[in-house]
N, C-alpha and C. Protein backbone atom coordinates (compact mmCIF):
# COMPACT_ATOMS: atom_id res chain seq x y z
N MET A 1 8.57 8.77 17.10
CA MET A 1 8.01 8.31 15.85
C MET A 1 7.64 6.83 15.98
N LYS A 2 6.47 6.47 15.49
CA LYS A 2 5.99 5.10 15.62
C LYS A 2 6.71 4.19 14.64
N THR A 3 6.84 2.94 15.05
CA THR A 3 7.44 1.94 14.18
C THR A 3 6.43 1.55 13.09
N THR A 4 6.93 0.91 12.06
CA THR A 4 6.03 0.45 10.99
C THR A 4 5.02 -0.54 11.56
N GLN A 5 5.44 -1.38 12.47
CA GLN A 5 4.52 -2.35 13.08
C GLN A 5 3.39 -1.63 13.82
N GLU A 6 3.73 -0.59 14.57
CA GLU A 6 2.71 0.19 15.29
C GLU A 6 1.78 0.90 14.30
N ARG A 7 2.35 1.42 13.24
CA ARG A 7 1.54 2.12 12.24
C ARG A 7 0.60 1.17 11.50
N LEU A 8 1.03 -0.07 11.28
CA LEU A 8 0.16 -1.06 10.66
C LEU A 8 -1.03 -1.38 11.55
N LYS A 9 -0.80 -1.42 12.85
CA LYS A 9 -1.90 -1.65 13.81
C LYS A 9 -2.90 -0.50 13.74
N VAL A 10 -2.39 0.73 13.66
CA VAL A 10 -3.26 1.91 13.53
C VAL A 10 -4.05 1.84 12.22
N LEU A 11 -3.38 1.41 11.16
CA LEU A 11 -4.06 1.25 9.87
C LEU A 11 -5.21 0.26 9.98
N GLN A 12 -4.96 -0.87 10.61
CA GLN A 12 -6.01 -1.88 10.77
C GLN A 12 -7.20 -1.30 11.52
N GLU A 13 -6.95 -0.58 12.60
CA GLU A 13 -8.04 0.03 13.37
C GLU A 13 -8.78 1.07 12.53
N ARG A 14 -8.05 1.86 11.78
CA ARG A 14 -8.68 2.90 10.96
C ARG A 14 -9.57 2.30 9.89
N LEU A 15 -9.16 1.19 9.31
CA LEU A 15 -9.95 0.55 8.26
C LEU A 15 -11.28 0.01 8.79
N LEU A 16 -11.38 -0.21 10.09
CA LEU A 16 -12.62 -0.70 10.69
C LEU A 16 -13.56 0.41 11.15
N LYS A 17 -13.09 1.64 11.17
CA LYS A 17 -13.91 2.74 11.66
C LYS A 17 -15.07 3.03 10.71
N PRO A 18 -16.26 3.24 11.27
CA PRO A 18 -17.44 3.53 10.45
C PRO A 18 -17.26 4.76 9.55
N ASN A 19 -16.60 5.80 10.03
CA ASN A 19 -16.41 7.00 9.19
C ASN A 19 -15.64 6.67 7.93
N PHE A 20 -14.65 5.83 8.05
CA PHE A 20 -13.86 5.44 6.88
C PHE A 20 -14.69 4.58 5.95
N LEU A 21 -15.44 3.66 6.52
CA LEU A 21 -16.21 2.70 5.72
C LEU A 21 -17.42 3.32 5.04
N GLU A 22 -17.98 4.35 5.63
CA GLU A 22 -19.21 4.94 5.10
C GLU A 22 -18.96 6.25 4.36
N ASN A 23 -17.71 6.53 4.04
CA ASN A 23 -17.35 7.74 3.29
C ASN A 23 -17.83 9.01 3.99
N LYS A 24 -17.74 9.04 5.29
CA LYS A 24 -18.16 10.22 6.07
C LYS A 24 -16.98 11.17 6.19
N SER A 25 -16.77 11.94 5.17
CA SER A 25 -15.68 12.91 5.18
C SER A 25 -16.17 14.22 4.61
N LEU A 26 -15.28 15.18 4.53
CA LEU A 26 -15.69 16.51 4.09
C LEU A 26 -16.34 16.52 2.71
N GLY A 27 -15.72 15.83 1.77
CA GLY A 27 -16.23 15.85 0.40
C GLY A 27 -17.08 14.65 0.03
N ASN A 28 -17.31 13.76 0.99
CA ASN A 28 -18.08 12.54 0.76
C ASN A 28 -17.49 11.71 -0.38
N GLU A 29 -16.16 11.80 -0.55
CA GLU A 29 -15.49 11.05 -1.61
C GLU A 29 -15.22 9.62 -1.17
N MET A 30 -14.78 8.81 -2.11
CA MET A 30 -14.46 7.42 -1.82
C MET A 30 -13.28 7.36 -0.86
N SER A 31 -13.36 6.49 0.11
CA SER A 31 -12.30 6.37 1.10
C SER A 31 -11.07 5.69 0.51
N PHE A 32 -9.93 6.22 0.86
CA PHE A 32 -8.67 5.57 0.51
C PHE A 32 -7.65 5.92 1.57
N TYR A 33 -6.62 5.13 1.63
CA TYR A 33 -5.58 5.35 2.63
C TYR A 33 -4.25 5.01 1.98
N ILE A 34 -3.35 5.94 2.01
CA ILE A 34 -2.01 5.72 1.48
C ILE A 34 -1.09 5.46 2.67
N PHE A 35 -0.47 4.31 2.64
CA PHE A 35 0.42 3.91 3.74
C PHE A 35 1.86 3.95 3.24
N ASP A 36 2.59 4.94 3.69
CA ASP A 36 4.00 5.02 3.32
C ASP A 36 4.84 4.46 4.46
N TYR A 37 6.00 3.97 4.12
CA TYR A 37 6.85 3.35 5.13
C TYR A 37 8.29 3.35 4.63
N ASP A 38 9.19 3.12 5.55
CA ASP A 38 10.61 3.06 5.23
C ASP A 38 10.85 1.87 4.30
N PRO A 39 11.55 2.07 3.20
CA PRO A 39 11.80 0.97 2.26
C PRO A 39 12.47 -0.25 2.91
N SER A 40 13.20 -0.04 3.99
CA SER A 40 13.84 -1.18 4.66
C SER A 40 12.81 -2.11 5.31
N ASP A 41 11.57 -1.63 5.47
CA ASP A 41 10.49 -2.43 6.06
C ASP A 41 9.63 -3.13 5.00
N GLU A 42 10.07 -3.09 3.75
CA GLU A 42 9.27 -3.63 2.64
C GLU A 42 8.83 -5.07 2.87
N LEU A 43 9.75 -5.94 3.19
CA LEU A 43 9.39 -7.35 3.35
C LEU A 43 8.43 -7.55 4.51
N PHE A 44 8.62 -6.83 5.59
CA PHE A 44 7.70 -6.91 6.73
C PHE A 44 6.29 -6.47 6.33
N VAL A 45 6.19 -5.35 5.63
CA VAL A 45 4.88 -4.84 5.21
C VAL A 45 4.21 -5.81 4.24
N ARG A 46 4.95 -6.35 3.30
CA ARG A 46 4.39 -7.33 2.35
C ARG A 46 3.88 -8.57 3.08
N GLU A 47 4.56 -8.94 4.15
CA GLU A 47 4.16 -10.11 4.93
C GLU A 47 2.90 -9.83 5.76
N GLU A 48 2.79 -8.63 6.30
CA GLU A 48 1.70 -8.29 7.23
C GLU A 48 0.40 -7.86 6.55
N THR A 49 0.48 -7.22 5.40
CA THR A 49 -0.75 -6.66 4.81
C THR A 49 -1.82 -7.70 4.49
N PRO A 50 -1.48 -8.88 3.97
CA PRO A 50 -2.57 -9.86 3.75
C PRO A 50 -3.32 -10.22 5.03
N ASP A 51 -2.59 -10.30 6.14
CA ASP A 51 -3.24 -10.61 7.42
C ASP A 51 -4.17 -9.48 7.85
N ILE A 52 -3.74 -8.25 7.64
CA ILE A 52 -4.59 -7.10 7.99
C ILE A 52 -5.85 -7.11 7.13
N PHE A 53 -5.69 -7.32 5.84
CA PHE A 53 -6.84 -7.34 4.93
C PHE A 53 -7.80 -8.47 5.31
N SER A 54 -7.27 -9.64 5.62
CA SER A 54 -8.13 -10.77 6.03
C SER A 54 -8.89 -10.45 7.30
N PHE A 55 -8.20 -9.85 8.27
CA PHE A 55 -8.85 -9.50 9.53
C PHE A 55 -9.99 -8.51 9.30
N VAL A 56 -9.73 -7.48 8.51
CA VAL A 56 -10.75 -6.46 8.26
C VAL A 56 -11.92 -7.07 7.47
N GLU A 57 -11.62 -7.85 6.44
CA GLU A 57 -12.69 -8.46 5.64
C GLU A 57 -13.54 -9.43 6.46
N LYS A 58 -12.92 -10.10 7.43
CA LYS A 58 -13.65 -11.01 8.32
C LYS A 58 -14.62 -10.24 9.21
N ASN A 59 -14.16 -9.07 9.69
CA ASN A 59 -14.97 -8.26 10.59
C ASN A 59 -15.94 -7.34 9.86
N ARG A 60 -15.67 -7.04 8.63
CA ARG A 60 -16.54 -6.20 7.80
C ARG A 60 -16.62 -6.82 6.41
N PRO A 61 -17.49 -7.83 6.22
CA PRO A 61 -17.53 -8.58 4.96
C PRO A 61 -17.83 -7.74 3.71
N VAL A 62 -18.36 -6.55 3.89
CA VAL A 62 -18.67 -5.72 2.71
C VAL A 62 -17.43 -5.02 2.16
N ILE A 63 -16.32 -5.11 2.86
CA ILE A 63 -15.10 -4.43 2.43
C ILE A 63 -14.30 -5.33 1.51
N HIS A 64 -13.83 -4.74 0.42
CA HIS A 64 -12.92 -5.42 -0.50
C HIS A 64 -11.80 -4.45 -0.81
N PHE A 65 -10.59 -4.94 -0.78
CA PHE A 65 -9.43 -4.08 -0.96
C PHE A 65 -8.93 -4.11 -2.39
N GLN A 66 -8.44 -2.97 -2.81
CA GLN A 66 -7.71 -2.87 -4.08
C GLN A 66 -6.35 -2.29 -3.74
N VAL A 67 -5.32 -3.05 -3.98
CA VAL A 67 -3.97 -2.63 -3.64
C VAL A 67 -3.24 -2.26 -4.92
N PHE A 68 -2.62 -1.11 -4.91
CA PHE A 68 -1.82 -0.67 -6.04
C PHE A 68 -0.36 -0.65 -5.58
N ASP A 69 0.42 -1.57 -6.08
CA ASP A 69 1.83 -1.66 -5.74
C ASP A 69 2.60 -0.81 -6.74
N LEU A 70 3.00 0.38 -6.31
CA LEU A 70 3.67 1.31 -7.22
C LEU A 70 4.97 0.74 -7.77
N TYR A 71 5.66 -0.03 -6.97
CA TYR A 71 6.90 -0.65 -7.44
C TYR A 71 6.62 -1.58 -8.62
N GLU A 72 5.61 -2.43 -8.49
CA GLU A 72 5.24 -3.35 -9.57
C GLU A 72 4.72 -2.59 -10.79
N ILE A 73 3.98 -1.53 -10.57
CA ILE A 73 3.45 -0.73 -11.68
C ILE A 73 4.59 -0.11 -12.48
N ILE A 74 5.58 0.45 -11.78
CA ILE A 74 6.72 1.07 -12.45
C ILE A 74 7.54 0.02 -13.19
N LEU A 75 7.79 -1.13 -12.55
CA LEU A 75 8.52 -2.19 -13.24
C LEU A 75 7.82 -2.62 -14.51
N SER A 76 6.52 -2.79 -14.43
CA SER A 76 5.73 -3.18 -15.60
C SER A 76 5.84 -2.13 -16.70
N PHE A 77 5.77 -0.87 -16.32
CA PHE A 77 5.89 0.24 -17.27
C PHE A 77 7.23 0.16 -18.01
N PHE A 78 8.32 -0.02 -17.26
CA PHE A 78 9.65 -0.08 -17.86
C PHE A 78 9.81 -1.31 -18.73
N GLU A 79 9.30 -2.45 -18.28
CA GLU A 79 9.43 -3.68 -19.05
C GLU A 79 8.66 -3.62 -20.37
N LYS A 80 7.44 -3.11 -20.34
CA LYS A 80 6.62 -3.02 -21.56
C LYS A 80 7.25 -2.11 -22.61
N ARG A 81 7.96 -1.10 -22.17
CA ARG A 81 8.55 -0.14 -23.10
C ARG A 81 10.01 -0.43 -23.40
N GLY A 82 10.54 -1.51 -22.86
CA GLY A 82 11.92 -1.89 -23.12
C GLY A 82 12.94 -0.98 -22.47
N TYR A 83 12.60 -0.39 -21.35
CA TYR A 83 13.50 0.55 -20.68
C TYR A 83 14.36 -0.08 -19.59
N MET A 84 14.18 -1.34 -19.29
CA MET A 84 14.91 -1.94 -18.17
C MET A 84 16.42 -1.89 -18.39
N GLU A 85 16.88 -2.33 -19.55
CA GLU A 85 18.32 -2.32 -19.83
C GLU A 85 18.87 -0.90 -19.80
N LYS A 86 18.12 0.04 -20.38
CA LYS A 86 18.56 1.44 -20.39
C LYS A 86 18.69 1.98 -18.97
N SER A 87 17.72 1.66 -18.12
CA SER A 87 17.76 2.18 -16.76
C SER A 87 18.88 1.54 -15.95
N PHE A 88 19.19 0.25 -16.22
CA PHE A 88 20.32 -0.39 -15.55
C PHE A 88 21.63 0.27 -15.96
N LYS A 89 21.76 0.62 -17.24
CA LYS A 89 22.96 1.29 -17.71
C LYS A 89 23.12 2.66 -17.07
N VAL A 90 22.02 3.42 -17.02
CA VAL A 90 22.05 4.75 -16.41
C VAL A 90 22.40 4.63 -14.94
N GLU A 91 21.77 3.67 -14.26
CA GLU A 91 22.04 3.48 -12.84
C GLU A 91 23.51 3.13 -12.61
N GLY A 92 24.07 2.32 -13.51
CA GLY A 92 25.48 1.95 -13.39
C GLY A 92 26.40 3.14 -13.55
N LYS A 93 26.03 4.08 -14.41
CA LYS A 93 26.84 5.26 -14.64
C LYS A 93 26.62 6.34 -13.59
N VAL A 94 25.36 6.62 -13.29
CA VAL A 94 25.00 7.73 -12.41
C VAL A 94 24.90 7.31 -10.94
N GLY A 95 24.42 6.10 -10.73
CA GLY A 95 24.23 5.61 -9.35
C GLY A 95 22.84 5.78 -8.86
């Protein structure tokens, strides 16, 4: 199994491929890539992704990234609805 560092290198290469950039796929849909990784690698991935995006944007100026951080989205959801305290209490009881 490849390390997260190796997989990030593969991601960078894939983002530069013409098929990915030109939507050359079966359904001709918009290209996207979901990169999952071990949660213990979170800080490493957060540190490396801006460099990958900069490298790709430098080599392909027409590319612009939209990143959806699911962790931040969920936190925002809980905070807006006042669920943070409730979830801390549940976590304390249930684990």
